[in-house]
Protein backbone atom coordinates (compact mmCIF):
# COMPACT_ATOMS: atom_id res chain seq x y z
CA MET A 1 -29.12 -12.20 -198.73
CA LYS A 2 -30.23 -15.69 -197.81
CA ALA A 3 -28.52 -18.61 -199.54
CA VAL A 4 -30.79 -20.56 -201.87
CA GLU A 5 -30.67 -24.14 -203.08
CA LEU A 6 -28.96 -24.49 -206.45
CA THR A 7 -31.26 -27.36 -207.34
CA ASN A 8 -34.30 -25.12 -206.88
CA LEU A 9 -32.83 -22.46 -209.17
CA LEU A 10 -32.23 -25.08 -211.84
CA LYS A 11 -35.63 -26.70 -211.43
CA GLU A 12 -37.34 -23.34 -211.97
CA ASN A 13 -35.41 -22.46 -215.16
CA THR A 14 -35.66 -24.63 -218.27
CA TYR A 15 -32.67 -22.92 -219.88
CA PRO A 16 -30.08 -21.20 -217.68
CA GLY A 17 -27.57 -22.00 -220.45
CA ARG A 18 -24.08 -22.59 -219.10
CA GLY A 19 -23.42 -22.19 -215.38
CA ILE A 20 -20.56 -21.92 -212.89
CA ALA A 21 -20.79 -22.39 -209.12
CA LEU A 22 -17.91 -22.08 -206.63
CA GLY A 23 -18.05 -22.55 -202.87
CA ILE A 24 -16.90 -24.22 -199.66
CA THR A 25 -18.39 -27.22 -197.83
CA PRO A 26 -19.96 -26.65 -194.36
CA ASN A 27 -17.04 -28.28 -192.56
CA GLY A 28 -14.62 -25.91 -194.29
CA LYS A 29 -12.52 -28.81 -195.57
CA GLN A 30 -13.29 -28.75 -199.29
CA ALA A 31 -13.72 -26.23 -202.06
CA VAL A 32 -16.22 -27.10 -204.77
CA MET A 33 -16.34 -26.18 -208.45
CA VAL A 34 -19.39 -26.83 -210.64
CA TYR A 35 -19.73 -26.28 -214.39
CA PHE A 36 -22.57 -27.36 -216.65
CA ILE A 37 -23.56 -26.84 -220.27
CA MET A 38 -26.94 -27.01 -221.94
CA GLY A 39 -28.05 -26.82 -225.57
CA ARG A 40 -31.16 -26.12 -227.60
CA SER A 41 -29.71 -26.96 -231.02
CA ALA A 42 -28.53 -30.37 -232.24
CA ASN A 43 -25.02 -28.94 -232.67
CA SER A 44 -24.90 -27.72 -229.06
CA ARG A 45 -26.23 -31.01 -227.72
CA ASN A 46 -23.68 -33.05 -229.68
CA ARG A 47 -21.05 -32.62 -226.98
CA VAL A 48 -19.45 -34.40 -224.05
CA PHE A 49 -16.92 -33.42 -221.40
CA ASP A 50 -13.65 -35.27 -221.85
CA PRO A 51 -10.88 -35.32 -219.18
CA ILE A 52 -7.53 -33.71 -219.99
CA GLU A 53 -4.56 -33.08 -217.72
CA GLY A 54 -5.69 -30.59 -215.09
CA GLY A 55 -9.20 -30.23 -216.41
CA ILE A 56 -11.65 -31.04 -219.19
CA ARG A 57 -12.38 -30.22 -222.80
CA THR A 58 -15.59 -30.29 -224.76
CA MET A 59 -15.62 -32.55 -227.79
CA ALA A 60 -18.17 -33.72 -230.32
CA ALA A 61 -19.97 -36.83 -229.12
CA ASP A 62 -20.48 -37.77 -232.78
CA PRO A 63 -17.86 -36.03 -234.98
CA ALA A 64 -19.91 -36.78 -238.10
CA LYS A 65 -22.71 -34.55 -236.77
CA LEU A 66 -20.50 -31.60 -235.81
CA GLU A 67 -21.67 -28.54 -237.76
CA ASP A 68 -19.76 -25.55 -236.35
CA PRO A 69 -17.04 -26.00 -233.71
CA SER A 70 -16.71 -22.28 -232.91
CA LEU A 71 -18.04 -21.34 -229.47
CA ILE A 72 -18.85 -24.94 -228.49
CA ILE A 73 -15.44 -26.69 -228.58
CA TYR A 74 -13.05 -25.38 -225.92
CA ASN A 75 -11.33 -26.20 -222.59
CA PRO A 76 -13.80 -25.30 -219.81
CA VAL A 77 -11.44 -26.21 -216.95
CA ARG A 78 -7.66 -25.87 -216.65
CA THR A 79 -5.34 -25.86 -213.64
CA LEU A 80 -2.18 -23.82 -213.19
CA GLY A 81 -0.42 -24.46 -209.88
CA ASN A 82 -2.90 -23.52 -207.14
CA ASP A 83 -5.27 -21.81 -209.57
CA HIS A 84 -8.34 -23.62 -210.90
CA ILE A 85 -9.85 -21.87 -213.92
CA VAL A 86 -13.38 -22.52 -215.22
CA THR A 87 -15.17 -20.70 -218.04
CA ASN A 88 -17.78 -21.17 -220.75
CA GLY A 89 -15.42 -20.58 -223.66
CA ASP A 90 -11.88 -20.24 -224.95
CA GLN A 91 -11.26 -17.44 -222.45
CA THR A 92 -10.10 -20.30 -220.19
CA ASP A 93 -6.90 -20.32 -222.25
CA THR A 94 -6.67 -16.51 -222.15
CA ILE A 95 -6.82 -16.53 -218.34
CA TYR A 96 -4.32 -19.42 -218.13
CA GLU A 97 -1.82 -17.62 -220.37
CA HIS A 98 -2.14 -14.30 -218.52
CA ILE A 99 -1.62 -15.90 -215.09
CA GLN A 100 1.35 -17.80 -216.51
CA GLN A 101 2.81 -14.39 -217.50
CA GLY A 102 2.30 -12.99 -213.99
CA LYS A 103 -0.85 -11.06 -214.90
CA THR A 104 -4.30 -11.35 -213.36
CA PHE A 105 -7.72 -12.86 -213.97
CA GLU A 106 -9.03 -9.34 -214.57
CA ASP A 107 -6.18 -8.45 -216.96
CA ALA A 108 -7.07 -11.47 -219.06
CA LEU A 109 -10.79 -10.79 -219.26
CA ARG A 110 -10.32 -7.13 -220.12
CA THR A 111 -8.95 -8.39 -223.45
CA ARG A 112 -12.20 -10.30 -224.15
CA THR A 113 -15.87 -9.56 -224.67
CA PHE A 114 -19.16 -11.45 -225.08
CA GLU A 115 -19.64 -14.10 -227.76
CA PRO A 116 -20.29 -12.95 -231.35
CA ASP A 117 -23.59 -14.82 -231.68
CA GLY A 118 -26.15 -12.05 -232.11
CA PRO A 119 -28.93 -11.51 -231.34
CA ASN A 120 -28.22 -13.53 -228.15
CA TRP A 121 -24.73 -12.09 -227.57
CA THR A 122 -24.05 -14.90 -225.10
CA PRO A 123 -22.13 -13.67 -222.03
CA ARG A 124 -18.71 -15.07 -221.26
CA ILE A 125 -18.76 -16.28 -217.65
CA SER A 126 -15.55 -17.17 -215.84
CA GLY A 127 -14.36 -18.33 -212.43
CA LEU A 128 -11.00 -18.61 -210.69
CA LEU A 129 -10.61 -20.64 -207.50
CA HIS A 130 -7.27 -20.17 -205.73
CA TRP A 131 -6.15 -22.75 -203.18
CA GLU A 132 -3.83 -22.14 -200.25
CA LYS A 133 -3.24 -24.69 -197.49
CA ASP A 134 -6.41 -24.90 -195.37
CA SER A 135 -8.12 -22.06 -197.25
CA ALA A 136 -9.42 -20.93 -200.62
CA SER A 137 -10.68 -17.79 -202.31
CA TYR A 138 -12.49 -17.32 -205.58
CA LYS A 139 -13.58 -14.83 -208.21
CA LEU A 140 -16.37 -14.75 -210.78
CA SER A 141 -16.86 -12.60 -213.84
CA ILE A 142 -19.38 -11.96 -216.59
CA LEU A 143 -18.72 -10.15 -219.87
CA LYS A 144 -22.04 -9.20 -221.46
CA SER A 145 -23.70 -6.89 -223.92
CA ALA A 146 -25.42 -3.72 -222.79
CA ASP A 147 -28.99 -4.99 -222.54
CA GLY A 148 -28.75 -6.81 -225.86
CA ASN A 149 -26.83 -4.05 -227.66
CA GLY A 150 -24.11 -5.87 -229.58
CA ASP A 151 -22.13 -2.65 -230.04
CA SER A 152 -21.53 -2.13 -226.31
CA ALA A 153 -19.86 -4.41 -223.74
CA ARG A 154 -20.10 -4.55 -219.95
CA ARG A 155 -17.50 -6.30 -217.77
CA TYR A 156 -18.32 -7.29 -214.19
CA PHE A 157 -15.97 -8.83 -211.60
CA PHE A 158 -16.89 -10.32 -208.22
CA GLU A 159 -14.32 -11.26 -205.56
CA TYR A 160 -14.80 -13.60 -202.60
CA PRO A 161 -11.50 -13.44 -200.65
CA GLN A 162 -12.93 -15.05 -197.48
CA PRO A 163 -15.75 -17.37 -198.54
CA VAL A 164 -18.11 -18.63 -195.87
CA ALA A 165 -18.22 -22.36 -195.15
CA GLY A 166 -21.43 -23.91 -196.42
CA GLU A 167 -21.96 -21.22 -199.04
CA GLY A 168 -21.10 -20.61 -202.65
CA HIS A 169 -21.97 -18.38 -205.59
CA PHE A 170 -23.62 -19.24 -208.88
CA ILE A 171 -23.59 -17.40 -212.20
CA HIS A 172 -25.04 -18.50 -215.53
CA THR A 173 -25.44 -17.16 -219.05
CA TYR A 174 -29.20 -16.71 -219.55
CA GLN A 175 -31.97 -15.39 -217.35
CA LYS A 176 -34.56 -17.69 -218.95
CA ASP A 177 -35.60 -19.50 -222.11
CA GLU A 178 -36.71 -16.81 -224.58
CA ASN A 179 -35.83 -15.60 -228.07
CA PRO A 180 -33.46 -13.85 -228.13
CA LEU A 181 -31.98 -15.25 -224.93
CA PRO A 182 -31.75 -12.57 -222.20
CA SER A 183 -28.37 -12.35 -220.44
CA PHE A 184 -27.92 -13.05 -216.72
CA GLU A 185 -28.49 -9.96 -214.59
CA GLY A 186 -27.27 -8.84 -211.17
CA GLU A 187 -24.78 -10.37 -208.75
CA PRO A 188 -24.01 -14.09 -208.67
CA ARG A 189 -26.65 -15.89 -206.62
CA LYS A 190 -25.63 -17.02 -203.13
CA ILE A 191 -26.23 -20.76 -202.83
CA SER A 192 -25.97 -23.43 -200.16
CA ILE A 193 -23.13 -25.95 -200.45
CA PRO A 194 -23.90 -29.27 -198.69
CA GLU A 195 -21.48 -31.67 -197.03
CA ASN A 196 -22.24 -34.63 -199.30
CA ILE A 197 -20.91 -33.64 -202.72
CA GLU A 198 -21.95 -36.90 -204.39
CA ASP A 199 -25.58 -36.26 -203.49
CA PHE A 200 -25.18 -32.61 -204.50
CA SER A 201 -23.81 -33.63 -207.91
CA ASN A 202 -26.59 -36.13 -208.52
CA ALA A 203 -29.22 -33.55 -207.54
CA ILE A 204 -27.79 -30.92 -209.89
CA TRP A 205 -27.83 -33.37 -212.79
CA ALA A 206 -31.35 -34.50 -211.95
CA ASN A 207 -32.68 -30.93 -211.83
CA LEU A 208 -31.16 -29.65 -215.06
CA ASN A 209 -33.88 -29.64 -217.72
CA THR A 210 -33.96 -33.08 -219.33
CA ASP A 211 -34.47 -31.77 -222.87
CA ASN A 212 -31.62 -29.26 -222.72
CA LYS A 213 -28.93 -30.61 -220.39
CA VAL A 214 -25.71 -31.75 -222.02
CA SER A 215 -22.87 -32.21 -219.49
CA LEU A 216 -21.92 -31.52 -215.88
CA PHE A 217 -18.49 -31.29 -214.21
CA ILE A 218 -17.85 -31.28 -210.45
CA ARG A 219 -14.45 -30.79 -208.81
CA THR A 220 -13.68 -30.97 -205.11
CA ILE A 221 -10.40 -29.64 -203.71
CA ASP A 222 -9.13 -30.86 -200.37
CA LEU A 223 -8.12 -27.68 -198.57
CA ALA A 224 -5.55 -29.47 -196.41
CA THR A 225 -3.66 -31.09 -199.29
CA GLY A 226 -4.82 -29.44 -202.52
CA GLU A 227 -5.76 -32.83 -203.96
CA THR A 228 -8.65 -32.79 -206.42
CA GLU A 229 -11.40 -35.21 -207.35
CA ASP A 230 -13.38 -34.75 -210.56
CA THR A 231 -16.75 -36.16 -211.61
CA ILE A 232 -18.29 -35.91 -215.09
CA TYR A 233 -21.87 -36.49 -216.26
CA ASN A 234 -22.55 -36.66 -220.00
CA GLY A 235 -26.11 -36.76 -221.29
CA TYR A 236 -25.07 -38.07 -224.68
CA ASP A 237 -23.57 -41.16 -223.03
CA ALA A 238 -26.81 -41.72 -221.12
CA VAL A 239 -28.81 -41.57 -224.36
CA CYS A 240 -26.46 -43.98 -226.06
CA GLN A 241 -26.80 -46.47 -223.20
CA GLU A 242 -30.61 -46.56 -223.28
């Protein structure tokens, strides 16, 4: 399967929902984590990413306009030792707690299912990037309904123990913008990871649909040292500054 450009996938889809991408730069020196959120409702759009120790949280951009915090307020990214966890919901905390107890990414997600927001039944997507000196591995998962059947769950796990430099994998919640929203199907898409992460980040933000994009998080991990660098884009801030 040929790697595709993430920006092209985003440009062609007005509503991929929430998305996770993990990969390695072409020089093999950095691991990259990408997470973005989108929203069609005013409640979903009323959010920003806010830095916390080891990661980020979502919070209401305008607390007075917050209608329902369930499913939209959570910690998308947390770090535990050499493990970098990213998800689209409070399963971040479930994974963190299970790893802390000596259990696995898979153990944690087998206790969870898709979101209770029928008729969309939004999938729970999750990623785990593990750093070791001069190398990294990662996993992705999606917990989804059985073709829109809210009475039946499907759990899928994908492991990348020896990722290829210059490549990554991308998974997102929705196939396209319809009603109800159809869940992502198939394996995570193989994408190209460029050398210049600043340009990559700017291009991702630019190619997310203007009407629906909310926030974007990018983390790079130096594979020699384990040091991280985080970048956040918040659409609400951009609107407020206009």
